[in-house]
Amino acid sequence: LVAGFPAGSLGANCYLVAPGAGEQCVIIDPGEDA
């Protein structure tokens, strides 16, 4: 599972990555207002 969204005024992509729903995950690049 890879879920991402653009954060903040510069639209930096933040991603959450996990083996699947209901699992542990890592968060990549939580930027402005993320």
Full PDB file with SEQRES, HELIX, SHEET, SSBOND, CRYST1, ORIGX, SCALE, CONECT and MASTER records, all heavy atoms in Angstrom:
SEQRES   1 A   34  LEU VAL ALA GLY PHE PRO ALA GLY SER LEU GLY ALA ASN          
SEQRES   2 A   34  CYS TYR LEU VAL ALA PRO GLY ALA GLY GLU GLN CYS VAL          
SEQRES   3 A   34  ILE ILE ASP PRO GLY GLU ASP ALA                              
SHEET    1 AA1 3 VAL A   2  ALA A   7  0                                        
SHEET    2 AA1 3 ALA A  12  VAL A  17 -1                                        
SHEET    3 AA1 3 VAL A  26  ILE A  28 -1                                        
CRYST1    1.000    1.000    1.000  90.00  90.00  90.00 P 1           1          
ORIGX1      1.000000  0.000000  0.000000        0.00000                         
ORIGX2      0.000000  1.000000  0.000000        0.00000                         
ORIGX3      0.000000  0.000000  1.000000        0.00000                         
SCALE1      1.000000  0.000000  0.000000        0.00000                         
SCALE2      0.000000  1.000000  0.000000        0.00000                         
SCALE3      0.000000  0.000000  1.000000        0.00000                         
ATOM      1  N   LEU A   1       0.848  -1.183   0.000  1.00  0.00           N  
ATOM      2  CA  LEU A   1       0.000   0.000   0.000  1.00  0.00           C  
ATOM      3  C   LEU A   1       0.887   1.239   0.000  1.00  0.00           C  
ATOM      4  O   LEU A   1       1.774   1.375   0.853  1.00  0.00           O  
ATOM      5  CB  LEU A   1      -0.904  -0.009   1.225  1.00  0.00           C  
ATOM      6  CG  LEU A   1      -1.951   1.102   1.370  1.00  0.00           C  
ATOM      7  CD1 LEU A   1      -3.122   0.608   2.200  1.00  0.00           C  
ATOM      8  CD2 LEU A   1      -1.377   2.379   2.008  1.00  0.00           C  
ATOM      9  N   VAL A   2       0.675   2.117  -0.974  1.00  0.00           N  
ATOM     10  CA  VAL A   2       1.352   3.408  -1.023  1.00  0.00           C  
ATOM     11  C   VAL A   2       0.286   4.482  -1.167  1.00  0.00           C  
ATOM     12  O   VAL A   2      -0.448   4.510  -2.165  1.00  0.00           O  
ATOM     13  CB  VAL A   2       2.343   3.509  -2.194  1.00  0.00           C  
ATOM     14  CG1 VAL A   2       3.023   4.883  -2.188  1.00  0.00           C  
ATOM     15  CG2 VAL A   2       3.392   2.405  -2.131  1.00  0.00           C  
ATOM     16  N   ALA A   3       0.153   5.342  -0.163  1.00  0.00           N  
ATOM     17  CA  ALA A   3      -0.814   6.439  -0.196  1.00  0.00           C  
ATOM     18  C   ALA A   3      -0.046   7.742  -0.078  1.00  0.00           C  
ATOM     19  O   ALA A   3       0.749   7.917   0.838  1.00  0.00           O  
ATOM     20  CB  ALA A   3      -1.823   6.295   0.939  1.00  0.00           C  
ATOM     21  N   GLY A   4      -0.272   8.660  -1.013  1.00  0.00           N  
ATOM     22  CA  GLY A   4       0.448   9.915  -0.991  1.00  0.00           C  
ATOM     23  C   GLY A   4      -0.454  11.099  -1.198  1.00  0.00           C  
ATOM     24  O   GLY A   4      -1.568  10.975  -1.716  1.00  0.00           O  
ATOM     25  N   PHE A   5       0.032  12.266  -0.794  1.00  0.00           N  
ATOM     26  CA  PHE A   5      -0.713  13.504  -0.992  1.00  0.00           C  
ATOM     27  C   PHE A   5       0.271  14.666  -1.024  1.00  0.00           C  
ATOM     28  O   PHE A   5       1.325  14.620  -0.379  1.00  0.00           O  
ATOM     29  CB  PHE A   5      -1.744  13.716   0.127  1.00  0.00           C  
ATOM     30  CG  PHE A   5      -1.157  13.820   1.506  1.00  0.00           C  
ATOM     31  CD1 PHE A   5      -0.813  15.055   2.050  1.00  0.00           C  
ATOM     32  CD2 PHE A   5      -0.936  12.682   2.269  1.00  0.00           C  
ATOM     33  CE1 PHE A   5      -0.259  15.154   3.320  1.00  0.00           C  
ATOM     34  CE2 PHE A   5      -0.376  12.768   3.544  1.00  0.00           C  
ATOM     35  CZ  PHE A   5      -0.039  14.005   4.070  1.00  0.00           C  
ATOM     36  N   PRO A   6      -0.036  15.733  -1.801  1.00  0.00           N  
ATOM     37  CA  PRO A   6       0.823  16.911  -1.811  1.00  0.00           C  
ATOM     38  C   PRO A   6       0.536  17.783  -0.592  1.00  0.00           C  
ATOM     39  O   PRO A   6      -0.609  18.098  -0.301  1.00  0.00           O  
ATOM     40  CB  PRO A   6       0.436  17.619  -3.111  1.00  0.00           C  
ATOM     41  CG  PRO A   6      -0.975  17.213  -3.347  1.00  0.00           C  
ATOM     42  CD  PRO A   6      -1.126  15.824  -2.779  1.00  0.00           C  
ATOM     43  N   ALA A   7       1.573  18.161   0.119  1.00  0.00           N  
ATOM     44  CA  ALA A   7       1.408  18.911   1.366  1.00  0.00           C  
ATOM     45  C   ALA A   7       1.914  20.337   1.214  1.00  0.00           C  
ATOM     46  O   ALA A   7       2.965  20.585   0.620  1.00  0.00           O  
ATOM     47  CB  ALA A   7       2.174  18.222   2.500  1.00  0.00           C  
ATOM     48  N   GLY A   8       1.167  21.280   1.749  1.00  0.00           N  
ATOM     49  CA  GLY A   8       1.630  22.644   1.886  1.00  0.00           C  
ATOM     50  C   GLY A   8       1.604  23.462   0.610  1.00  0.00           C  
ATOM     51  O   GLY A   8       1.174  23.013  -0.463  1.00  0.00           O  
ATOM     52  N   SER A   9       2.094  24.683   0.721  1.00  0.00           N  
ATOM     53  CA  SER A   9       2.031  25.640  -0.377  1.00  0.00           C  
ATOM     54  C   SER A   9       2.923  25.257  -1.542  1.00  0.00           C  
ATOM     55  O   SER A   9       2.698  25.701  -2.677  1.00  0.00           O  
ATOM     56  CB  SER A   9       2.433  27.024   0.136  1.00  0.00           C  
ATOM     57  OG  SER A   9       3.735  26.994   0.711  1.00  0.00           O  
ATOM     58  N   LEU A  10       3.956  24.425  -1.312  1.00  0.00           N  
ATOM     59  CA  LEU A  10       4.844  24.002  -2.385  1.00  0.00           C  
ATOM     60  C   LEU A  10       4.517  22.603  -2.895  1.00  0.00           C  
ATOM     61  O   LEU A  10       5.205  22.083  -3.775  1.00  0.00           O  
ATOM     62  CB  LEU A  10       6.305  24.064  -1.929  1.00  0.00           C  
ATOM     63  CG  LEU A  10       6.807  25.471  -1.581  1.00  0.00           C  
ATOM     64  CD1 LEU A  10       8.255  25.432  -1.128  1.00  0.00           C  
ATOM     65  CD2 LEU A  10       6.667  26.403  -2.784  1.00  0.00           C  
ATOM     66  N   GLY A  11       3.468  22.006  -2.355  1.00  0.00           N  
ATOM     67  CA  GLY A  11       2.999  20.727  -2.863  1.00  0.00           C  
ATOM     68  C   GLY A  11       4.011  19.600  -2.786  1.00  0.00           C  
ATOM     69  O   GLY A  11       4.114  18.779  -3.699  1.00  0.00           O  
ATOM     70  N   ALA A  12       4.769  19.519  -1.694  1.00  0.00           N  
ATOM     71  CA  ALA A  12       5.726  18.426  -1.533  1.00  0.00           C  
ATOM     72  C   ALA A  12       4.980  17.140  -1.224  1.00  0.00           C  
ATOM     73  O   ALA A  12       4.147  17.088  -0.310  1.00  0.00           O  
ATOM     74  CB  ALA A  12       6.716  18.744  -0.416  1.00  0.00           C  
ATOM     75  N   ASN A  13       5.280  16.093  -1.957  1.00  0.00           N  
ATOM     76  CA  ASN A  13       4.566  14.832  -1.775  1.00  0.00           C  
ATOM     77  C   ASN A  13       4.987  14.132  -0.487  1.00  0.00           C  
ATOM     78  O   ASN A  13       6.177  13.926  -0.242  1.00  0.00           O  
ATOM     79  CB  ASN A  13       4.828  13.903  -2.962  1.00  0.00           C  
ATOM     80  CG  ASN A  13       4.171  14.386  -4.230  1.00  0.00           C  
ATOM     81  OD1 ASN A  13       3.084  14.957  -4.203  1.00  0.00           O  
ATOM     82  ND2 ASN A  13       4.810  14.147  -5.372  1.00  0.00           N  
ATOM     83  N   CYS A  14       3.991  13.771   0.317  1.00  0.00           N  
ATOM     84  CA  CYS A  14       4.189  12.952   1.513  1.00  0.00           C  
ATOM     85  C   CYS A  14       3.594  11.584   1.224  1.00  0.00           C  
ATOM     86  O   CYS A  14       2.494  11.481   0.675  1.00  0.00           O  
ATOM     87  CB  CYS A  14       3.489  13.599   2.710  1.00  0.00           C  
ATOM     88  SG  CYS A  14       3.564  12.639   4.240  1.00  0.00           S  
ATOM     89  N   TYR A  15       4.319  10.529   1.584  1.00  0.00           N  
ATOM     90  CA  TYR A  15       3.867   9.167   1.294  1.00  0.00           C  
ATOM     91  C   TYR A  15       3.799   8.350   2.578  1.00  0.00           C  
ATOM     92  O   TYR A  15       4.642   8.485   3.464  1.00  0.00           O  
ATOM     93  CB  TYR A  15       4.834   8.469   0.344  1.00  0.00           C  
ATOM     94  CG  TYR A  15       4.990   9.138  -1.000  1.00  0.00           C  
ATOM     95  CD1 TYR A  15       6.107   9.935  -1.272  1.00  0.00           C  
ATOM     96  CD2 TYR A  15       4.052   8.968  -2.007  1.00  0.00           C  
ATOM     97  CE1 TYR A  15       6.267  10.545  -2.500  1.00  0.00           C  
ATOM     98  CE2 TYR A  15       4.203   9.575  -3.251  1.00  0.00           C  
ATOM     99  CZ  TYR A  15       5.313  10.361  -3.492  1.00  0.00           C  
ATOM    100  OH  TYR A  15       5.467  10.971  -4.716  1.00  0.00           O  
ATOM    101  N   LEU A  16       2.798   7.489   2.653  1.00  0.00           N  
ATOM    102  CA  LEU A  16       2.733   6.467   3.688  1.00  0.00           C  
ATOM    103  C   LEU A  16       2.801   5.117   2.986  1.00  0.00           C  
ATOM    104  O   LEU A  16       2.058   4.871   2.019  1.00  0.00           O  
ATOM    105  CB  LEU A  16       1.447   6.576   4.507  1.00  0.00           C  
ATOM    106  CG  LEU A  16       1.428   7.749   5.515  1.00  0.00           C  
ATOM    107  CD1 LEU A  16       1.048   9.044   4.822  1.00  0.00           C  
ATOM    108  CD2 LEU A  16       0.461   7.466   6.674  1.00  0.00           C  
ATOM    109  N   VAL A  17       3.698   4.253   3.454  1.00  0.00           N  
ATOM    110  CA  VAL A  17       3.984   2.998   2.777  1.00  0.00           C  
ATOM    111  C   VAL A  17       3.857   1.856   3.773  1.00  0.00           C  
ATOM    112  O   VAL A  17       4.411   1.912   4.873  1.00  0.00           O  
ATOM    113  CB  VAL A  17       5.404   3.002   2.173  1.00  0.00           C  
ATOM    114  CG1 VAL A  17       5.617   1.783   1.283  1.00  0.00           C  
ATOM    115  CG2 VAL A  17       5.659   4.293   1.396  1.00  0.00           C  
ATOM    116  N   ALA A  18       3.111   0.819   3.382  1.00  0.00           N  
ATOM    117  CA  ALA A  18       2.871  -0.320   4.259  1.00  0.00           C  
ATOM    118  C   ALA A  18       2.718  -1.576   3.419  1.00  0.00           C  
ATOM    119  O   ALA A  18       2.409  -1.499   2.219  1.00  0.00           O  
ATOM    120  CB  ALA A  18       1.608  -0.096   5.087  1.00  0.00           C  
ATOM    121  N   PRO A  19       2.902  -2.763   4.020  1.00  0.00           N  
ATOM    122  CA  PRO A  19       2.632  -3.994   3.278  1.00  0.00           C  
ATOM    123  C   PRO A  19       1.169  -4.102   2.845  1.00  0.00           C  
ATOM    124  O   PRO A  19       0.853  -4.744   1.854  1.00  0.00           O  
ATOM    125  CB  PRO A  19       2.998  -5.098   4.280  1.00  0.00           C  
ATOM    126  CG  PRO A  19       3.962  -4.450   5.221  1.00  0.00           C  
ATOM    127  CD  PRO A  19       3.492  -3.029   5.343  1.00  0.00           C  
ATOM    128  N   GLY A  20       0.263  -3.477   3.615  1.00  0.00           N  
ATOM    129  CA  GLY A  20      -1.153  -3.503   3.283  1.00  0.00           C  
ATOM    130  C   GLY A  20      -1.955  -2.760   4.332  1.00  0.00           C  
ATOM    131  O   GLY A  20      -1.407  -2.268   5.332  1.00  0.00           O  
ATOM    132  N   ALA A  21      -3.245  -2.646   4.117  1.00  0.00           N  
ATOM    133  CA  ALA A  21      -4.117  -1.989   5.092  1.00  0.00           C  
ATOM    134  C   ALA A  21      -4.075  -2.737   6.420  1.00  0.00           C  
ATOM    135  O   ALA A  21      -3.950  -3.964   6.469  1.00  0.00           O  
ATOM    136  CB  ALA A  21      -5.540  -1.934   4.558  1.00  0.00           C  
ATOM    137  N   GLY A  22      -4.178  -1.970   7.516  1.00  0.00           N  
ATOM    138  CA  GLY A  22      -4.161  -2.567   8.840  1.00  0.00           C  
ATOM    139  C   GLY A  22      -2.781  -2.968   9.331  1.00  0.00           C  
ATOM    140  O   GLY A  22      -2.662  -3.611  10.379  1.00  0.00           O  
ATOM    141  N   GLU A  23      -1.742  -2.570   8.616  1.00  0.00           N  
ATOM    142  CA  GLU A  23      -0.379  -2.962   8.952  1.00  0.00           C  
ATOM    143  C   GLU A  23       0.410  -1.759   9.485  1.00  0.00           C  
ATOM    144  O   GLU A  23      -0.073  -0.626   9.510  1.00  0.00           O  
ATOM    145  CB  GLU A  23       0.320  -3.500   7.698  1.00  0.00           C  
ATOM    146  CG  GLU A  23      -0.390  -4.641   7.022  1.00  0.00           C  
ATOM    147  CD  GLU A  23      -0.005  -5.995   7.593  1.00  0.00           C  
ATOM    148  OE1 GLU A  23       0.854  -6.033   8.507  1.00  0.00           O  
ATOM    149  OE2 GLU A  23      -0.540  -6.999   7.118  1.00  0.00           O  
ATOM    150  N   GLN A  24       1.644  -2.037   9.902  1.00  0.00           N  
ATOM    151  CA  GLN A  24       2.561  -0.965  10.226  1.00  0.00           C  
ATOM    152  C   GLN A  24       2.957  -0.225   8.947  1.00  0.00           C  
ATOM    153  O   GLN A  24       2.861  -0.780   7.842  1.00  0.00           O  
ATOM    154  CB  GLN A  24       3.813  -1.521  10.914  1.00  0.00           C  
ATOM    155  CG  GLN A  24       3.560  -2.109  12.288  1.00  0.00           C  
ATOM    156  CD  GLN A  24       4.829  -2.601  12.946  1.00  0.00           C  
ATOM    157  OE1 GLN A  24       5.822  -2.914  12.269  1.00  0.00           O  
ATOM    158  NE2 GLN A  24       4.838  -2.670  14.266  1.00  0.00           N  
ATOM    159  N   CYS A  25       3.405   1.033   9.099  1.00  0.00           N  
ATOM    160  CA  CYS A  25       3.787   1.813   7.927  1.00  0.00           C  
ATOM    161  C   CYS A  25       4.958   2.728   8.253  1.00  0.00           C  
ATOM    162  O   CYS A  25       5.265   2.980   9.423  1.00  0.00           O  
ATOM    163  CB  CYS A  25       2.608   2.650   7.414  1.00  0.00           C  
ATOM    164  SG  CYS A  25       2.206   4.086   8.449  1.00  0.00           S  
ATOM    165  N   VAL A  26       5.593   3.229   7.192  1.00  0.00           N  
ATOM    166  CA  VAL A  26       6.558   4.320   7.320  1.00  0.00           C  
ATOM    167  C   VAL A  26       5.966   5.546   6.634  1.00  0.00           C  
ATOM    168  O   VAL A  26       5.139   5.433   5.713  1.00  0.00           O  
ATOM    169  CB  VAL A  26       7.928   3.967   6.705  1.00  0.00           C  
ATOM    170  CG1 VAL A  26       8.560   2.797   7.435  1.00  0.00           C  
ATOM    171  CG2 VAL A  26       7.811   3.685   5.212  1.00  0.00           C  
ATOM    172  N   ILE A  27       6.380   6.705   7.108  1.00  0.00           N  
ATOM    173  CA  ILE A  27       5.930   7.978   6.549  1.00  0.00           C  
ATOM    174  C   ILE A  27       7.136   8.660   5.926  1.00  0.00           C  
ATOM    175  O   ILE A  27       8.169   8.827   6.577  1.00  0.00           O  
ATOM    176  CB  ILE A  27       5.325   8.871   7.650  1.00  0.00           C  
ATOM    177  CG1 ILE A  27       4.146   8.170   8.324  1.00  0.00           C  
ATOM    178  CG2 ILE A  27       4.900  10.224   7.074  1.00  0.00           C  
ATOM    179  CD1 ILE A  27       3.715   8.815   9.637  1.00  0.00           C  
ATOM    180  N   ILE A  28       7.024   9.038   4.655  1.00  0.00           N  
ATOM    181  CA  ILE A  28       8.133   9.660   3.944  1.00  0.00           C  
ATOM    182  C   ILE A  28       7.820  11.129   3.705  1.00  0.00           C  
ATOM    183  O   ILE A  28       6.796  11.470   3.109  1.00  0.00           O  
ATOM    184  CB  ILE A  28       8.400   8.949   2.604  1.00  0.00           C  
ATOM    185  CG1 ILE A  28       8.787   7.484   2.856  1.00  0.00           C  
ATOM    186  CG2 ILE A  28       9.496   9.660   1.816  1.00  0.00           C  
ATOM    187  CD1 ILE A  28       8.982   6.672   1.581  1.00  0.00           C  
ATOM    188  N   ASP A  29       8.677  12.007   4.196  1.00  0.00           N  
ATOM    189  CA  ASP A  29       8.640  13.450   3.936  1.00  0.00           C  
ATOM    190  C   ASP A  29       7.338  14.149   4.362  1.00  0.00           C  
ATOM    191  O   ASP A  29       6.592  14.661   3.523  1.00  0.00           O  
ATOM    192  CB  ASP A  29       8.904  13.728   2.456  1.00  0.00           C  
ATOM    193  CG  ASP A  29      10.351  13.519   2.062  1.00  0.00           C  
ATOM    194  OD1 ASP A  29      11.163  13.182   2.940  1.00  0.00           O  
ATOM    195  OD2 ASP A  29      10.674  13.700   0.872  1.00  0.00           O  
ATOM    196  N   PRO A  30       7.068  14.210   5.659  1.00  0.00           N  
ATOM    197  CA  PRO A  30       5.910  14.989   6.122  1.00  0.00           C  
ATOM    198  C   PRO A  30       6.253  16.478   6.145  1.00  0.00           C  
ATOM    199  O   PRO A  30       6.886  16.972   7.066  1.00  0.00           O  
ATOM    200  CB  PRO A  30       5.664  14.445   7.531  1.00  0.00           C  
ATOM    201  CG  PRO A  30       7.026  14.008   7.996  1.00  0.00           C  
ATOM    202  CD  PRO A  30       7.763  13.551   6.770  1.00  0.00           C  
ATOM    203  N   GLY A  31       5.840  17.194   5.122  1.00  0.00           N  
ATOM    204  CA  GLY A  31       6.223  18.588   4.965  1.00  0.00           C  
ATOM    205  C   GLY A  31       5.243  19.559   5.589  1.00  0.00           C  
ATOM    206  O   GLY A  31       4.560  19.251   6.578  1.00  0.00           O  
ATOM    207  N   GLU A  32       5.129  20.737   4.999  1.00  0.00           N  
ATOM    208  CA  GLU A  32       4.293  21.809   5.539  1.00  0.00           C  
ATOM    209  C   GLU A  32       2.836  21.352   5.646  1.00  0.00           C  
ATOM    210  O   GLU A  32       2.254  20.827   4.696  1.00  0.00           O  
ATOM    211  CB  GLU A  32       4.382  23.029   4.624  1.00  0.00           C  
ATOM    212  CG  GLU A  32       3.562  24.208   5.099  1.00  0.00           C  
ATOM    213  CD  GLU A  32       3.447  25.290   4.038  1.00  0.00           C  
ATOM    214  OE1 GLU A  32       3.870  25.066   2.883  1.00  0.00           O  
ATOM    215  OE2 GLU A  32       2.923  26.367   4.377  1.00  0.00           O  
ATOM    216  N   ASP A  33       2.247  21.545   6.823  1.00  0.00           N  
ATOM    217  CA  ASP A  33       0.832  21.239   7.058  1.00  0.00           C  
ATOM    218  C   ASP A  33       0.473  19.792   6.700  1.00  0.00           C  
ATOM    219  O   ASP A  33      -0.633  19.516   6.225  1.00  0.00           O  
ATOM    220  CB  ASP A  33      -0.064  22.191   6.273  1.00  0.00           C  
ATOM    221  CG  ASP A  33       0.085  23.643   6.700  1.00  0.00           C  
ATOM    222  OD1 ASP A  33       0.399  23.875   7.885  1.00  0.00           O  
ATOM    223  OD2 ASP A  33      -0.092  24.539   5.856  1.00  0.00           O  
ATOM    224  N   ALA A  34       1.384  18.858   6.956  1.00  0.00           N  
ATOM    225  CA  ALA A  34       1.145  17.462   6.587  1.00  0.00           C  
ATOM    226  C   ALA A  34       0.442  16.658   7.666  1.00  0.00           C  
ATOM    227  O   ALA A  34      -0.005  15.537   7.406  1.00  0.00           O  
ATOM    228  CB  ALA A  34       2.467  16.780   6.243  1.00  0.00           C  
TER     229      ALA A  34                                                      
MASTER        0    0    0    0    3    0    0    6  228    1    0    3          
END                                                                             
